[in-house]
N, C-alpha and C. Protein backbone atom coordinates (compact mmCIF):
# COMPACT_ATOMS: atom_id res chain seq x y z
N MET A 1 46.74 77.19 -45.85
CA MET A 1 46.41 75.90 -45.31
C MET A 1 46.85 75.83 -43.85
N SER A 2 46.06 75.18 -43.02
CA SER A 2 46.42 75.08 -41.60
C SER A 2 47.34 73.89 -41.36
N LYS A 3 48.15 74.02 -40.35
CA LYS A 3 49.08 72.96 -39.99
C LYS A 3 48.40 72.01 -39.00
N ARG A 4 48.75 70.75 -39.06
CA ARG A 4 48.17 69.77 -38.13
C ARG A 4 48.65 70.03 -36.72
N LYS A 5 47.78 69.74 -35.78
CA LYS A 5 48.16 69.90 -34.38
C LYS A 5 49.12 68.79 -33.97
N GLN A 6 50.08 69.15 -33.17
CA GLN A 6 51.01 68.18 -32.61
C GLN A 6 50.72 68.07 -31.12
N HIS A 7 50.27 66.91 -30.68
CA HIS A 7 49.94 66.70 -29.28
C HIS A 7 51.08 66.00 -28.58
N SER A 8 51.33 66.40 -27.35
CA SER A 8 52.41 65.80 -26.58
C SER A 8 52.01 64.39 -26.13
N PRO A 9 53.00 63.55 -25.87
CA PRO A 9 52.69 62.20 -25.37
C PRO A 9 51.91 62.24 -24.05
N ASP A 10 52.18 63.24 -23.21
CA ASP A 10 51.45 63.37 -21.96
C ASP A 10 49.96 63.63 -22.20
N PHE A 11 49.68 64.49 -23.17
CA PHE A 11 48.29 64.81 -23.51
C PHE A 11 47.58 63.57 -24.05
N LYS A 12 48.26 62.84 -24.94
CA LYS A 12 47.67 61.64 -25.52
C LYS A 12 47.36 60.60 -24.44
N ALA A 13 48.30 60.44 -23.51
CA ALA A 13 48.11 59.47 -22.42
C ALA A 13 46.93 59.89 -21.54
N LYS A 14 46.83 61.17 -21.27
CA LYS A 14 45.74 61.68 -20.43
C LYS A 14 44.39 61.40 -21.08
N VAL A 15 44.28 61.69 -22.37
CA VAL A 15 43.03 61.47 -23.09
C VAL A 15 42.71 59.98 -23.17
N ALA A 16 43.72 59.16 -23.47
CA ALA A 16 43.50 57.71 -23.57
C ALA A 16 43.07 57.12 -22.23
N LEU A 17 43.67 57.58 -21.14
CA LEU A 17 43.27 57.09 -19.82
C LEU A 17 41.84 57.49 -19.49
N GLU A 18 41.45 58.69 -19.87
CA GLU A 18 40.07 59.12 -19.65
C GLU A 18 39.11 58.22 -20.44
N ALA A 19 39.52 57.85 -21.66
CA ALA A 19 38.68 56.97 -22.48
C ALA A 19 38.57 55.59 -21.84
N LEU A 20 39.67 55.11 -21.26
CA LEU A 20 39.65 53.79 -20.62
C LEU A 20 38.76 53.77 -19.37
N LYS A 21 38.68 54.89 -18.68
CA LYS A 21 37.83 54.96 -17.49
C LYS A 21 36.38 54.68 -17.83
N GLY A 22 35.95 55.14 -18.99
CA GLY A 22 34.57 54.90 -19.42
C GLY A 22 33.53 55.75 -18.76
N GLU A 23 33.95 56.82 -18.09
CA GLU A 23 33.00 57.70 -17.41
C GLU A 23 32.30 58.64 -18.38
N GLN A 24 32.94 58.88 -19.54
CA GLN A 24 32.35 59.72 -20.57
C GLN A 24 32.48 58.99 -21.91
N THR A 25 31.60 59.33 -22.83
CA THR A 25 31.69 58.72 -24.15
C THR A 25 32.86 59.33 -24.90
N VAL A 26 33.27 58.66 -25.96
CA VAL A 26 34.36 59.16 -26.79
C VAL A 26 33.97 60.51 -27.40
N ALA A 27 32.71 60.64 -27.78
CA ALA A 27 32.24 61.90 -28.35
C ALA A 27 32.36 63.04 -27.32
N GLU A 28 32.01 62.76 -26.09
CA GLU A 28 32.13 63.77 -25.03
C GLU A 28 33.59 64.14 -24.79
N LEU A 29 34.46 63.13 -24.78
CA LEU A 29 35.88 63.40 -24.58
C LEU A 29 36.45 64.19 -25.75
N ALA A 30 36.03 63.87 -26.97
CA ALA A 30 36.51 64.58 -28.15
C ALA A 30 36.13 66.06 -28.07
N SER A 31 34.94 66.32 -27.64
CA SER A 31 34.49 67.70 -27.49
C SER A 31 35.26 68.40 -26.37
N ARG A 32 35.44 67.71 -25.28
CA ARG A 32 36.13 68.28 -24.11
C ARG A 32 37.60 68.62 -24.41
N PHE A 33 38.30 67.72 -25.12
CA PHE A 33 39.72 67.92 -25.38
C PHE A 33 40.01 68.53 -26.75
N GLY A 34 39.00 68.69 -27.59
CA GLY A 34 39.19 69.31 -28.89
C GLY A 34 39.95 68.47 -29.89
N VAL A 35 39.71 67.16 -29.87
CA VAL A 35 40.34 66.25 -30.82
C VAL A 35 39.26 65.40 -31.49
N HIS A 36 39.61 64.77 -32.59
CA HIS A 36 38.66 63.93 -33.31
C HIS A 36 38.50 62.59 -32.58
N PRO A 37 37.28 62.05 -32.53
CA PRO A 37 37.06 60.76 -31.85
C PRO A 37 37.96 59.64 -32.37
N THR A 38 38.28 59.64 -33.65
CA THR A 38 39.16 58.61 -34.20
C THR A 38 40.53 58.63 -33.53
N MET A 39 41.03 59.83 -33.23
CA MET A 39 42.33 59.95 -32.56
C MET A 39 42.26 59.34 -31.16
N ILE A 40 41.16 59.55 -30.49
CA ILE A 40 41.01 58.98 -29.14
C ILE A 40 41.04 57.46 -29.21
N HIS A 41 40.35 56.89 -30.18
CA HIS A 41 40.37 55.43 -30.34
C HIS A 41 41.78 54.94 -30.64
N THR A 42 42.51 55.67 -31.48
CA THR A 42 43.88 55.29 -31.84
C THR A 42 44.79 55.35 -30.62
N TRP A 43 44.68 56.42 -29.86
CA TRP A 43 45.53 56.58 -28.67
C TRP A 43 45.20 55.54 -27.61
N LYS A 44 43.91 55.23 -27.46
CA LYS A 44 43.48 54.22 -26.50
C LYS A 44 44.04 52.85 -26.88
N LYS A 45 43.97 52.52 -28.18
CA LYS A 45 44.50 51.25 -28.67
C LYS A 45 46.01 51.17 -28.44
N ALA A 46 46.72 52.26 -28.73
CA ALA A 46 48.17 52.30 -28.55
C ALA A 46 48.54 52.14 -27.07
N LEU A 47 47.75 52.75 -26.21
CA LEU A 47 48.00 52.63 -24.77
C LEU A 47 47.82 51.19 -24.31
N LEU A 48 46.77 50.55 -24.75
CA LEU A 48 46.52 49.17 -24.35
C LEU A 48 47.60 48.23 -24.89
N GLU A 49 48.03 48.46 -26.14
CA GLU A 49 49.05 47.60 -26.74
C GLU A 49 50.42 47.81 -26.10
N GLY A 50 50.70 49.03 -25.66
CA GLY A 50 52.02 49.33 -25.11
C GLY A 50 52.11 49.26 -23.60
N ALA A 51 51.00 48.96 -22.95
CA ALA A 51 50.97 48.96 -21.48
C ALA A 51 51.92 47.92 -20.89
N SER A 52 52.04 46.77 -21.51
CA SER A 52 52.91 45.74 -20.97
C SER A 52 54.37 46.17 -21.02
N GLY A 53 54.72 47.05 -21.93
CA GLY A 53 56.09 47.55 -22.04
C GLY A 53 56.54 48.34 -20.84
N VAL A 54 55.61 48.86 -20.08
CA VAL A 54 55.94 49.62 -18.88
C VAL A 54 56.64 48.72 -17.86
N PHE A 55 56.28 47.46 -17.86
CA PHE A 55 56.80 46.53 -16.86
C PHE A 55 57.97 45.68 -17.36
N GLU A 56 58.41 45.92 -18.60
CA GLU A 56 59.54 45.17 -19.14
C GLU A 56 60.85 45.74 -18.61
N ARG A 57 61.84 44.89 -18.54
CA ARG A 57 63.17 45.33 -18.15
C ARG A 57 63.92 45.82 -19.37
N GLY A 58 64.92 46.64 -19.14
CA GLY A 58 65.77 47.08 -20.24
C GLY A 58 65.45 48.48 -20.72
N GLY A 59 64.37 49.06 -20.28
CA GLY A 59 64.06 50.44 -20.63
C GLY A 59 63.79 50.67 -22.11
N LYS A 60 63.15 49.74 -22.77
CA LYS A 60 62.81 49.93 -24.18
C LYS A 60 61.78 51.03 -24.30
N LYS A 61 61.95 51.87 -25.31
CA LYS A 61 60.98 52.93 -25.54
C LYS A 61 59.96 52.46 -26.57
N ALA A 62 58.68 52.63 -26.24
CA ALA A 62 57.63 52.22 -27.17
C ALA A 62 57.55 53.21 -28.33
N PRO A 63 57.23 52.74 -29.53
CA PRO A 63 57.10 53.65 -30.67
C PRO A 63 55.89 54.57 -30.48
N GLU A 64 56.05 55.79 -30.98
CA GLU A 64 54.96 56.76 -30.85
C GLU A 64 53.92 56.54 -31.95
N VAL A 65 52.70 56.94 -31.67
CA VAL A 65 51.61 56.79 -32.62
C VAL A 65 51.67 57.96 -33.60
N ASP A 66 51.56 57.65 -34.88
CA ASP A 66 51.53 58.69 -35.90
C ASP A 66 50.13 59.29 -35.93
N GLU A 67 50.02 60.60 -36.03
CA GLU A 67 48.73 61.27 -35.96
C GLU A 67 48.00 61.34 -37.30
N GLU A 68 48.48 60.63 -38.30
CA GLU A 68 47.83 60.70 -39.61
C GLU A 68 46.61 59.84 -39.70
């Protein structure tokens, strides 16, 4: 059985930002980065929900998205 891929937070952010740009479709991005389109939607949603945390004081760390 194959093991699931573990993507770094930097990779997830890069893919999610590309999805937010809207220059390519999610299907095109999935093919380009070798991930499932559902993961791109999940990472994009997590980025949008956690974006306000970047500007909060106190240095709280946002929870990571589970890849399941």
